[in-house]
Amino acid sequence: MNIQINETTINEIAAVLDQNADRERTVRIFISGMQCSGPAYGLALDPAVPEDSVYDCGSFKMVMDPELIEAYDEWIVDFVQGGFMVKPANMASSCGSGCGSCGCDC
């Protein structure tokens, strides 16, 4: 598993974890729902389980179910406009322009 994550995003996630000091310093990538363009992904403060794949980000770890790794091995996590964007790297430019009623990256 490889995660493309920049320093700003790491700092923003670390700040959320600092505000939740009673929780483990693990962040889960998960399927948050389905859209007409496919699954949507999210982040959650969630402890690791033994079967998780783990990616070390220094001050915290990102975890993911191995089934997501089988589907997509490389991920992008970015802090954008006050929120976190999570998607497989090979989907980063799979949609053309547009946030129509059924566009990507909206």
PDB file of N, CA and C in Angstrom:
ATOM      1  N   MET A   1       0.846  -1.172   0.000  1.00  0.00           N
ATOM      2  CA  MET A   1       0.000   0.000   0.000  1.00  0.00           C
ATOM      3  C   MET A   1       0.890   1.233   0.000  1.00  0.00           C
ATOM      4  N   ASN A   2       0.553   2.169  -0.854  1.00  0.00           N
ATOM      5  CA  ASN A   2       1.253   3.441  -0.902  1.00  0.00           C
ATOM      6  C   ASN A   2       0.214   4.559  -0.814  1.00  0.00           C
ATOM      7  N   ILE A   3       0.495   5.550   0.011  1.00  0.00           N
ATOM      8  CA  ILE A   3      -0.405   6.690   0.155  1.00  0.00           C
ATOM      9  C   ILE A   3       0.363   7.957  -0.168  1.00  0.00           C
ATOM     10  N   GLN A   4      -0.155   8.716  -1.139  1.00  0.00           N
ATOM     11  CA  GLN A   4       0.401  10.025  -1.449  1.00  0.00           C
ATOM     12  C   GLN A   4      -0.257  11.021  -0.495  1.00  0.00           C
ATOM     13  N   ILE A   5       0.540  11.567   0.411  1.00  0.00           N
ATOM     14  CA  ILE A   5       0.017  12.497   1.408  1.00  0.00           C
ATOM     15  C   ILE A   5       1.073  13.566   1.663  1.00  0.00           C
ATOM     16  N   ASN A   6       0.667  14.823   1.607  1.00  0.00           N
ATOM     17  CA  ASN A   6       1.645  15.904   1.775  1.00  0.00           C
ATOM     18  C   ASN A   6       1.725  16.340   3.238  1.00  0.00           C
ATOM     19  N   GLU A   7       2.693  17.160   3.530  1.00  0.00           N
ATOM     20  CA  GLU A   7       2.958  17.602   4.907  1.00  0.00           C
ATOM     21  C   GLU A   7       1.775  18.375   5.500  1.00  0.00           C
ATOM     22  N   THR A   8       1.117  19.208   4.696  1.00  0.00           N
ATOM     23  CA  THR A   8      -0.049  19.956   5.181  1.00  0.00           C
ATOM     24  C   THR A   8      -1.142  19.000   5.630  1.00  0.00           C
ATOM     25  N   THR A   9      -1.397  17.987   4.839  1.00  0.00           N
ATOM     26  CA  THR A   9      -2.430  17.008   5.169  1.00  0.00           C
ATOM     27  C   THR A   9      -2.050  16.223   6.416  1.00  0.00           C
ATOM     28  N   ILE A  10      -0.793  15.820   6.516  1.00  0.00           N
ATOM     29  CA  ILE A  10      -0.327  15.119   7.716  1.00  0.00           C
ATOM     30  C   ILE A  10      -0.543  15.992   8.950  1.00  0.00           C
ATOM     31  N   ASN A  11      -0.216  17.270   8.859  1.00  0.00           N
ATOM     32  CA  ASN A  11      -0.393  18.189   9.989  1.00  0.00           C
ATOM     33  C   ASN A  11      -1.867  18.362  10.362  1.00  0.00           C
ATOM     34  N   GLU A  12      -2.744  18.432   9.365  1.00  0.00           N
ATOM     35  CA  GLU A  12      -4.181  18.582   9.635  1.00  0.00           C
ATOM     36  C   GLU A  12      -4.742  17.331  10.317  1.00  0.00           C
ATOM     37  N   ILE A  13      -4.338  16.160   9.856  1.00  0.00           N
ATOM     38  CA  ILE A  13      -4.788  14.915  10.491  1.00  0.00           C
ATOM     39  C   ILE A  13      -4.236  14.830  11.904  1.00  0.00           C
ATOM     40  N   ALA A  14      -2.970  15.174  12.082  1.00  0.00           N
ATOM     41  CA  ALA A  14      -2.369  15.151  13.420  1.00  0.00           C
ATOM     42  C   ALA A  14      -3.106  16.092  14.366  1.00  0.00           C
ATOM     43  N   ALA A  15      -3.552  17.249  13.874  1.00  0.00           N
ATOM     44  CA  ALA A  15      -4.301  18.193  14.712  1.00  0.00           C
ATOM     45  C   ALA A  15      -5.628  17.585  15.160  1.00  0.00           C
ATOM     46  N   VAL A  16      -6.308  16.884  14.261  1.00  0.00           N
ATOM     47  CA  VAL A  16      -7.555  16.201  14.630  1.00  0.00           C
ATOM     48  C   VAL A  16      -7.269  15.145  15.688  1.00  0.00           C
ATOM     49  N   LEU A  17      -6.201  14.395  15.502  1.00  0.00           N
ATOM     50  CA  LEU A  17      -5.836  13.364  16.477  1.00  0.00           C
ATOM     51  C   LEU A  17      -5.462  13.987  17.822  1.00  0.00           C
ATOM     52  N   ASP A  18      -4.783  15.127  17.805  1.00  0.00           N
ATOM     53  CA  ASP A  18      -4.433  15.816  19.050  1.00  0.00           C
ATOM     54  C   ASP A  18      -5.688  16.240  19.813  1.00  0.00           C
ATOM     55  N   GLN A  19      -6.733  16.631  19.080  1.00  0.00           N
ATOM     56  CA  GLN A  19      -7.996  17.029  19.705  1.00  0.00           C
ATOM     57  C   GLN A  19      -8.760  15.825  20.253  1.00  0.00           C
ATOM     58  N   ASN A  20      -8.371  14.639  19.828  1.00  0.00           N
ATOM     59  CA  ASN A  20      -9.009  13.400  20.270  1.00  0.00           C
ATOM     60  C   ASN A  20      -7.966  12.509  20.923  1.00  0.00           C
ATOM     61  N   ALA A  21      -7.280  13.060  21.908  1.00  0.00           N
ATOM     62  CA  ALA A  21      -6.139  12.386  22.531  1.00  0.00           C
ATOM     63  C   ALA A  21      -6.512  11.068  23.205  1.00  0.00           C
ATOM     64  N   ASP A  22      -7.792  10.877  23.490  1.00  0.00           N
ATOM     65  CA  ASP A  22      -8.230   9.631  24.122  1.00  0.00           C
ATOM     66  C   ASP A  22      -8.362   8.486  23.113  1.00  0.00           C
ATOM     67  N   ARG A  23      -8.193   8.773  21.830  1.00  0.00           N
ATOM     68  CA  ARG A  23      -8.316   7.765  20.771  1.00  0.00           C
ATOM     69  C   ARG A  23      -6.930   7.306  20.328  1.00  0.00           C
ATOM     70  N   GLU A  24      -6.871   6.108  19.746  1.00  0.00           N
ATOM     71  CA  GLU A  24      -5.619   5.631  19.161  1.00  0.00           C
ATOM     72  C   GLU A  24      -5.242   6.541  18.000  1.00  0.00           C
ATOM     73  N   ARG A  25      -3.975   6.612  17.695  1.00  0.00           N
ATOM     74  CA  ARG A  25      -3.498   7.470  16.609  1.00  0.00           C
ATOM     75  C   ARG A  25      -3.505   6.691  15.296  1.00  0.00           C
ATOM     76  N   THR A  26      -4.694   6.184  14.965  1.00  0.00           N
ATOM     77  CA  THR A  26      -4.889   5.485  13.696  1.00  0.00           C
ATOM     78  C   THR A  26      -6.067   6.111  12.965  1.00  0.00           C
ATOM     79  N   VAL A  27      -5.921   6.205  11.662  1.00  0.00           N
ATOM     80  CA  VAL A  27      -6.945   6.774  10.798  1.00  0.00           C
ATOM     81  C   VAL A  27      -7.261   5.738   9.727  1.00  0.00           C
ATOM     82  N   ARG A  28      -8.537   5.401   9.603  1.00  0.00           N
ATOM     83  CA  ARG A  28      -8.954   4.378   8.652  1.00  0.00           C
ATOM     84  C   ARG A  28      -9.446   5.013   7.353  1.00  0.00           C
ATOM     85  N   ILE A  29      -9.007   4.470   6.223  1.00  0.00           N
ATOM     86  CA  ILE A  29      -9.578   4.782   4.920  1.00  0.00           C
ATOM     87  C   ILE A  29     -10.679   3.741   4.705  1.00  0.00           C
ATOM     88  N   PHE A  30     -11.880   4.215   4.367  1.00  0.00           N
ATOM     89  CA  PHE A  30     -13.004   3.298   4.209  1.00  0.00           C
ATOM     90  C   PHE A  30     -13.929   3.775   3.095  1.00  0.00           C
ATOM     91  N   ILE A  31     -14.809   2.891   2.643  1.00  0.00           N
ATOM     92  CA  ILE A  31     -15.831   3.265   1.668  1.00  0.00           C
ATOM     93  C   ILE A  31     -16.945   3.946   2.444  1.00  0.00           C
ATOM     94  N   SER A  32     -17.189   5.216   2.134  1.00  0.00           N
ATOM     95  CA  SER A  32     -18.181   5.988   2.884  1.00  0.00           C
ATOM     96  C   SER A  32     -19.553   5.973   2.224  1.00  0.00           C
ATOM     97  N   GLY A  33     -19.642   5.471   1.025  1.00  0.00           N
ATOM     98  CA  GLY A  33     -20.933   5.407   0.342  1.00  0.00           C
ATOM     99  C   GLY A  33     -20.741   5.197  -1.143  1.00  0.00           C
ATOM    100  N   MET A  34     -21.848   5.131  -1.827  1.00  0.00           N
ATOM    101  CA  MET A  34     -21.809   4.947  -3.284  1.00  0.00           C
ATOM    102  C   MET A  34     -22.421   6.171  -3.953  1.00  0.00           C
ATOM    103  N   GLN A  35     -21.767   6.575  -5.038  1.00  0.00           N
ATOM    104  CA  GLN A  35     -22.263   7.672  -5.854  1.00  0.00           C
ATOM    105  C   GLN A  35     -22.468   7.123  -7.252  1.00  0.00           C
ATOM    106  N   CYS A  36     -23.076   7.898  -8.109  1.00  0.00           N
ATOM    107  CA  CYS A  36     -23.295   7.400  -9.470  1.00  0.00           C
ATOM    108  C   CYS A  36     -21.979   7.171 -10.205  1.00  0.00           C
ATOM    109  N   SER A  37     -20.912   7.840  -9.764  1.00  0.00           N
ATOM    110  CA  SER A  37     -19.608   7.650 -10.404  1.00  0.00           C
ATOM    111  C   SER A  37     -18.770   6.583  -9.706  1.00  0.00           C
ATOM    112  N   GLY A  38     -19.350   5.890  -8.722  1.00  0.00           N
ATOM    113  CA  GLY A  38     -18.626   4.837  -8.014  1.00  0.00           C
ATOM    114  C   GLY A  38     -18.556   5.115  -6.532  1.00  0.00           C
ATOM    115  N   PRO A  39     -17.732   4.355  -5.828  1.00  0.00           N
ATOM    116  CA  PRO A  39     -17.662   4.526  -4.380  1.00  0.00           C
ATOM    117  C   PRO A  39     -17.014   5.846  -3.974  1.00  0.00           C
ATOM    118  N   ALA A  40     -17.453   6.356  -2.842  1.00  0.00           N
ATOM    119  CA  ALA A  40     -16.830   7.516  -2.204  1.00  0.00           C
ATOM    120  C   ALA A  40     -16.047   6.983  -1.010  1.00  0.00           C
ATOM    121  N   TYR A  41     -14.916   7.589  -0.715  1.00  0.00           N
ATOM    122  CA  TYR A  41     -14.052   7.127   0.357  1.00  0.00           C
ATOM    123  C   TYR A  41     -13.940   8.201   1.426  1.00  0.00           C
ATOM    124  N   GLY A  42     -13.678   7.777   2.651  1.00  0.00           N
ATOM    125  CA  GLY A  42     -13.551   8.718   3.750  1.00  0.00           C
ATOM    126  C   GLY A  42     -12.479   8.290   4.727  1.00  0.00           C
ATOM    127  N   LEU A  43     -12.304   9.128   5.744  1.00  0.00           N
ATOM    128  CA  LEU A  43     -11.362   8.866   6.826  1.00  0.00           C
ATOM    129  C   LEU A  43     -12.144   8.807   8.131  1.00  0.00           C
ATOM    130  N   ALA A  44     -11.701   7.948   9.033  1.00  0.00           N
ATOM    131  CA  ALA A  44     -12.323   7.848  10.348  1.00  0.00           C
ATOM    132  C   ALA A  44     -11.258   7.532  11.382  1.00  0.00           C
ATOM    133  N   LEU A  45     -11.434   8.053  12.586  1.00  0.00           N
ATOM    134  CA  LEU A  45     -10.570   7.677  13.701  1.00  0.00           C
ATOM    135  C   LEU A  45     -11.045   6.299  14.147  1.00  0.00           C
ATOM    136  N   ASP A  46     -10.218   5.299  13.928  1.00  0.00           N
ATOM    137  CA  ASP A  46     -10.639   3.928  14.165  1.00  0.00           C
ATOM    138  C   ASP A  46      -9.422   3.071  14.458  1.00  0.00           C
ATOM    139  N   PRO A  47      -9.451   2.272  15.519  1.00  0.00           N
ATOM    140  CA  PRO A  47      -8.291   1.440  15.837  1.00  0.00           C
ATOM    141  C   PRO A  47      -8.051   0.367  14.771  1.00  0.00           C
ATOM    142  N   ALA A  48      -6.816  -0.011  14.636  1.00  0.00           N
ATOM    143  CA  ALA A  48      -6.439  -1.067  13.694  1.00  0.00           C
ATOM    144  C   ALA A  48      -6.904  -2.415  14.218  1.00  0.00           C
ATOM    145  N   VAL A  49      -7.194  -3.305  13.288  1.00  0.00           N
ATOM    146  CA  VAL A  49      -7.481  -4.698  13.618  1.00  0.00           C
ATOM    147  C   VAL A  49      -6.385  -5.534  12.961  1.00  0.00           C
ATOM    148  N   PRO A  50      -6.171  -6.752  13.435  1.00  0.00           N
ATOM    149  CA  PRO A  50      -5.031  -7.540  12.951  1.00  0.00           C
ATOM    150  C   PRO A  50      -4.943  -7.704  11.438  1.00  0.00           C
ATOM    151  N   GLU A  51      -6.068  -7.776  10.744  1.00  0.00           N
ATOM    152  CA  GLU A  51      -6.006  -8.007   9.290  1.00  0.00           C
ATOM    153  C   GLU A  51      -5.791  -6.732   8.474  1.00  0.00           C
ATOM    154  N   ASP A  52      -5.763  -5.570   9.095  1.00  0.00           N
ATOM    155  CA  ASP A  52      -5.573  -4.309   8.378  1.00  0.00           C
ATOM    156  C   ASP A  52      -4.192  -4.201   7.735  1.00  0.00           C
ATOM    157  N   SER A  53      -4.157  -3.487   6.617  1.00  0.00           N
ATOM    158  CA  SER A  53      -2.897  -3.030   6.052  1.00  0.00           C
ATOM    159  C   SER A  53      -2.587  -1.695   6.722  1.00  0.00           C
ATOM    160  N   VAL A  54      -1.318  -1.459   7.034  1.00  0.00           N
ATOM    161  CA  VAL A  54      -0.927  -0.280   7.807  1.00  0.00           C
ATOM    162  C   VAL A  54       0.091   0.539   7.021  1.00  0.00           C
ATOM    163  N   TYR A  55      -0.097   1.862   7.022  1.00  0.00           N
ATOM    164  CA  TYR A  55       0.825   2.801   6.398  1.00  0.00           C
ATOM    165  C   TYR A  55       1.259   3.790   7.473  1.00  0.00           C
ATOM    166  N   ASP A  56       2.544   3.871   7.726  1.00  0.00           N
ATOM    167  CA  ASP A  56       3.078   4.728   8.790  1.00  0.00           C
ATOM    168  C   ASP A  56       3.276   6.149   8.267  1.00  0.00           C
ATOM    169  N   CYS A  57       2.624   7.114   8.910  1.00  0.00           N
ATOM    170  CA  CYS A  57       2.750   8.531   8.550  1.00  0.00           C
ATOM    171  C   CYS A  57       3.568   9.300   9.583  1.00  0.00           C
ATOM    172  N   GLY A  58       4.309   8.603  10.407  1.00  0.00           N
ATOM    173  CA  GLY A  58       5.123   9.271  11.421  1.00  0.00           C
ATOM    174  C   GLY A  58       4.399   9.357  12.748  1.00  0.00           C
ATOM    175  N   SER A  59       3.631  10.428  12.949  1.00  0.00           N
ATOM    176  CA  SER A  59       2.947  10.614  14.234  1.00  0.00           C
ATOM    177  C   SER A  59       1.633   9.833  14.322  1.00  0.00           C
ATOM    178  N   PHE A  60       1.220   9.206  13.245  1.00  0.00           N
ATOM    179  CA  PHE A  60       0.016   8.371  13.241  1.00  0.00           C
ATOM    180  C   PHE A  60       0.144   7.327  12.139  1.00  0.00           C
ATOM    181  N   LYS A  61      -0.782   6.384  12.149  1.00  0.00           N
ATOM    182  CA  LYS A  61      -0.812   5.340  11.131  1.00  0.00           C
ATOM    183  C   LYS A  61      -2.152   5.389  10.407  1.00  0.00           C
ATOM    184  N   MET A  62      -2.112   5.110   9.118  1.00  0.00           N
ATOM    185  CA  MET A  62      -3.344   4.958   8.349  1.00  0.00           C
ATOM    186  C   MET A  62      -3.545   3.469   8.134  1.00  0.00           C
ATOM    187  N   VAL A  63      -4.779   3.018   8.290  1.00  0.00           N
ATOM    188  CA  VAL A  63      -5.100   1.606   8.135  1.00  0.00           C
ATOM    189  C   VAL A  63      -6.210   1.448   7.104  1.00  0.00           C
ATOM    190  N   MET A  64      -6.233   0.249   6.519  1.00  0.00           N
ATOM    191  CA  MET A  64      -7.210  -0.018   5.488  1.00  0.00           C
ATOM    192  C   MET A  64      -7.464  -1.515   5.413  1.00  0.00           C
ATOM    193  N   ASP A  65      -8.689  -1.863   5.103  1.00  0.00           N
ATOM    194  CA  ASP A  65      -9.054  -3.251   4.893  1.00  0.00           C
ATOM    195  C   ASP A  65      -8.289  -3.787   3.676  1.00  0.00           C
ATOM    196  N   PRO A  66      -7.743  -4.992   3.760  1.00  0.00           N
ATOM    197  CA  PRO A  66      -6.975  -5.547   2.639  1.00  0.00           C
ATOM    198  C   PRO A  66      -7.759  -5.629   1.325  1.00  0.00           C
ATOM    199  N   GLU A  67      -9.089  -5.735   1.386  1.00  0.00           N
ATOM    200  CA  GLU A  67      -9.881  -5.785   0.153  1.00  0.00           C
ATOM    201  C   GLU A  67      -9.761  -4.485  -0.640  1.00  0.00           C
ATOM    202  N   LEU A  68      -9.646  -3.349   0.048  1.00  0.00           N
ATOM    203  CA  LEU A  68      -9.443  -2.084  -0.669  1.00  0.00           C
ATOM    204  C   LEU A  68      -8.066  -2.047  -1.305  1.00  0.00           C
ATOM    205  N   ILE A  69      -7.089  -2.636  -0.628  1.00  0.00           N
ATOM    206  CA  ILE A  69      -5.733  -2.691  -1.182  1.00  0.00           C
ATOM    207  C   ILE A  69      -5.707  -3.555  -2.444  1.00  0.00           C
ATOM    208  N   GLU A  70      -6.451  -4.644  -2.431  1.00  0.00           N
ATOM    209  CA  GLU A  70      -6.517  -5.506  -3.610  1.00  0.00           C
ATOM    210  C   GLU A  70      -7.086  -4.747  -4.805  1.00  0.00           C
ATOM    211  N   ALA A  71      -8.076  -3.891  -4.548  1.00  0.00           N
ATOM    212  CA  ALA A  71      -8.694  -3.126  -5.630  1.00  0.00           C
ATOM    213  C   ALA A  71      -7.804  -1.982  -6.096  1.00  0.00           C
ATOM    214  N   TYR A  72      -7.184  -1.289  -5.146  1.00  0.00           N
ATOM    215  CA  TYR A  72      -6.347  -0.125  -5.452  1.00  0.00           C
ATOM    216  C   TYR A  72      -5.178  -0.113  -4.481  1.00  0.00           C
ATOM    217  N   ASP A  73      -3.972  -0.191  -4.991  1.00  0.00           N
ATOM    218  CA  ASP A  73      -2.798  -0.239  -4.127  1.00  0.00           C
ATOM    219  C   ASP A  73      -2.264   1.148  -3.772  1.00  0.00           C
ATOM    220  N   GLU A  74      -2.570   2.137  -4.597  1.00  0.00           N
ATOM    221  CA  GLU A  74      -2.038   3.483  -4.358  1.00  0.00           C
ATOM    222  C   GLU A  74      -3.187   4.465  -4.141  1.00  0.00           C
ATOM    223  N   TRP A  75      -3.049   5.293  -3.092  1.00  0.00           N
ATOM    224  CA  TRP A  75      -4.101   6.207  -2.681  1.00  0.00           C
ATOM    225  C   TRP A  75      -3.584   7.633  -2.574  1.00  0.00           C
ATOM    226  N   ILE A  76      -4.495   8.579  -2.702  1.00  0.00           N
ATOM    227  CA  ILE A  76      -4.208   9.998  -2.486  1.00  0.00           C
ATOM    228  C   ILE A  76      -5.075  10.468  -1.323  1.00  0.00           C
ATOM    229  N   VAL A  77      -4.445  11.077  -0.334  1.00  0.00           N
ATOM    230  CA  VAL A  77      -5.166  11.711   0.771  1.00  0.00           C
ATOM    231  C   VAL A  77      -4.678  13.149   0.790  1.00  0.00           C
ATOM    232  N   ASP A  78      -5.625  14.093   0.707  1.00  0.00           N
ATOM    233  CA  ASP A  78      -5.253  15.503   0.620  1.00  0.00           C
ATOM    234  C   ASP A  78      -6.243  16.344   1.421  1.00  0.00           C
ATOM    235  N   PHE A  79      -5.743  17.418   2.012  1.00  0.00           N
ATOM    236  CA  PHE A  79      -6.580  18.383   2.719  1.00  0.00           C
ATOM    237  C   PHE A  79      -6.942  19.468   1.719  1.00  0.00           C
ATOM    238  N   VAL A  80      -8.251  19.561   1.391  1.00  0.00           N
ATOM    239  CA  VAL A  80      -8.708  20.473   0.349  1.00  0.00           C
ATOM    240  C   VAL A  80      -9.917  21.243   0.868  1.00  0.00           C
ATOM    241  N   GLN A  81      -9.853  22.557   0.819  1.00  0.00           N
ATOM    242  CA  GLN A  81     -10.976  23.427   1.167  1.00  0.00           C
ATOM    243  C   GLN A  81     -11.604  23.056   2.514  1.00  0.00           C
ATOM    244  N   GLY A  82     -10.757  22.796   3.509  1.00  0.00           N
ATOM    245  CA  GLY A  82     -11.245  22.534   4.855  1.00  0.00           C
ATOM    246  C   GLY A  82     -11.694  21.114   5.122  1.00  0.00           C
ATOM    247  N   GLY A  83     -11.475  20.212   4.185  1.00  0.00           N
ATOM    248  CA  GLY A  83     -11.870  18.820   4.376  1.00  0.00           C
ATOM    249  C   GLY A  83     -10.846  17.888   3.758  1.00  0.00           C
ATOM    250  N   PHE A  84     -11.057  16.604   3.943  1.00  0.00           N
ATOM    251  CA  PHE A  84     -10.121  15.610   3.438  1.00  0.00           C
ATOM    252  C   PHE A  84     -10.685  14.920   2.204  1.00  0.00           C
ATOM    253  N   MET A  85      -9.878  14.844   1.166  1.00  0.00           N
ATOM    254  CA  MET A  85     -10.218  14.138  -0.049  1.00  0.00           C
ATOM    255  C   MET A  85      -9.439  12.821  -0.035  1.00  0.00           C
ATOM    256  N   VAL A  86     -10.128  11.727  -0.295  1.00  0.00           N
ATOM    257  CA  VAL A  86      -9.512  10.409  -0.317  1.00  0.00           C
ATOM    258  C   VAL A  86      -9.962   9.712  -1.591  1.00  0.00           C
ATOM    259  N   LYS A  87      -9.002   9.226  -2.389  1.00  0.00           N
ATOM    260  CA  LYS A  87      -9.371   8.461  -3.578  1.00  0.00           C
ATOM    261  C   LYS A  87      -8.188   7.645  -4.060  1.00  0.00           C
ATOM    262  N   PRO A  88      -8.483   6.583  -4.785  1.00  0.00           N
ATOM    263  CA  PRO A  88      -7.400   5.813  -5.390  1.00  0.00           C
ATOM    264  C   PRO A  88      -6.643   6.684  -6.389  1.00  0.00           C
ATOM    265  N   ALA A  89      -5.329   6.522  -6.440  1.00  0.00           N
ATOM    266  CA  ALA A  89      -4.504   7.368  -7.311  1.00  0.00           C
ATOM    267  C   ALA A  89      -4.869   7.213  -8.778  1.00  0.00           C
ATOM    268  N   ASN A  90      -5.218   6.012  -9.206  1.00  0.00           N
ATOM    269  CA  ASN A  90      -5.531   5.842 -10.625  1.00  0.00           C
ATOM    270  C   ASN A  90      -6.902   6.387 -10.992  1.00  0.00           C
ATOM    271  N   MET A  91      -7.645   6.905 -10.032  1.00  0.00           N
ATOM    272  CA  MET A  91      -8.912   7.573 -10.313  1.00  0.00           C
ATOM    273  C   MET A  91      -8.747   9.085 -10.287  1.00  0.00           C
ATOM    274  N   ALA A  92      -7.532   9.571  -9.984  1.00  0.00           N
ATOM    275  CA  ALA A  92      -7.311  11.004  -9.784  1.00  0.00           C
ATOM    276  C   ALA A  92      -7.710  11.830 -10.984  1.00  0.00           C
ATOM    277  N   SER A  93      -7.490  11.320 -12.163  1.00  0.00           N
ATOM    278  CA  SER A  93      -7.847  12.111 -13.347  1.00  0.00           C
ATOM    279  C   SER A  93      -8.726  11.306 -14.292  1.00  0.00           C
ATOM    280  N   SER A  94      -9.478  10.360 -13.755  1.00  0.00           N
ATOM    281  CA  SER A  94     -10.277   9.511 -14.615  1.00  0.00           C
ATOM    282  C   SER A  94     -11.516  10.214 -15.143  1.00  0.00           C
ATOM    283  N   CYS A  95     -11.942  11.297 -14.517  1.00  0.00           N
ATOM    284  CA  CYS A  95     -13.112  12.023 -14.975  1.00  0.00           C
ATOM    285  C   CYS A  95     -12.649  13.272 -15.704  1.00  0.00           C
ATOM    286  N   GLY A  96     -13.412  13.639 -16.652  1.00  0.00           N
ATOM    287  CA  GLY A  96     -13.100  14.864 -17.367  1.00  0.00           C
ATOM    288  C   GLY A  96     -13.383  16.042 -16.463  1.00  0.00           C
ATOM    289  N   SER A  97     -13.821  17.084 -17.035  1.00  0.00           N
ATOM    290  CA  SER A  97     -14.151  18.230 -16.210  1.00  0.00           C
ATOM    291  C   SER A  97     -15.497  17.998 -15.579  1.00  0.00           C
ATOM    292  N   GLY A  98     -15.816  18.787 -14.735  1.00  0.00           N
ATOM    293  CA  GLY A  98     -17.200  18.935 -14.446  1.00  0.00           C
ATOM    294  C   GLY A  98     -17.746  18.309 -13.212  1.00  0.00           C
ATOM    295  N   CYS A  99     -18.527  19.078 -12.612  1.00  0.00           N
ATOM    296  CA  CYS A  99     -19.319  18.653 -11.482  1.00  0.00           C
ATOM    297  C   CYS A  99     -20.762  18.834 -11.889  1.00  0.00           C
ATOM    298  N   GLY A 100     -21.155  18.064 -12.879  1.00  0.00           N
ATOM    299  CA  GLY A 100     -22.554  18.070 -13.241  1.00  0.00           C
ATOM    300  C   GLY A 100     -23.320  17.299 -12.205  1.00  0.00           C
ATOM    301  N   SER A 101     -24.502  16.904 -12.522  1.00  0.00           N
ATOM    302  CA  SER A 101     -25.303  16.183 -11.541  1.00  0.00           C
ATOM    303  C   SER A 101     -24.714  14.826 -11.244  1.00  0.00           C
ATOM    304  N   CYS A 102     -23.830  14.359 -12.109  1.00  0.00           N
ATOM    305  CA  CYS A 102     -23.247  13.041 -11.897  1.00  0.00           C
ATOM    306  C   CYS A 102     -21.759  13.050 -12.226  1.00  0.00           C
ATOM    307  N   GLY A 103     -21.072  14.154 -11.949  1.00  0.00           N
ATOM    308  CA  GLY A 103     -19.652  14.259 -12.267  1.00  0.00           C
ATOM    309  C   GLY A 103     -18.776  13.700 -11.166  1.00  0.00           C
ATOM    310  N   CYS A 104     -17.504  13.642 -11.425  1.00  0.00           N
ATOM    311  CA  CYS A 104     -16.551  13.144 -10.452  1.00  0.00           C
ATOM    312  C   CYS A 104     -15.922  14.304  -9.682  1.00  0.00           C
ATOM    313  N   ASP A 105     -15.308  13.979  -8.558  1.00  0.00           N
ATOM    314  CA  ASP A 105     -14.540  14.925  -7.759  1.00  0.00           C
ATOM    315  C   ASP A 105     -15.346  16.108  -7.274  1.00  0.00           C
ATOM    316  N   CYS A 106     -16.603  15.926  -7.045  1.00  0.00           N
ATOM    317  CA  CYS A 106     -17.423  17.035  -6.556  1.00  0.00           C
ATOM    318  C   CYS A 106     -17.435  17.077  -5.063  1.00  0.00           C
TER     319      CYS A 106
END
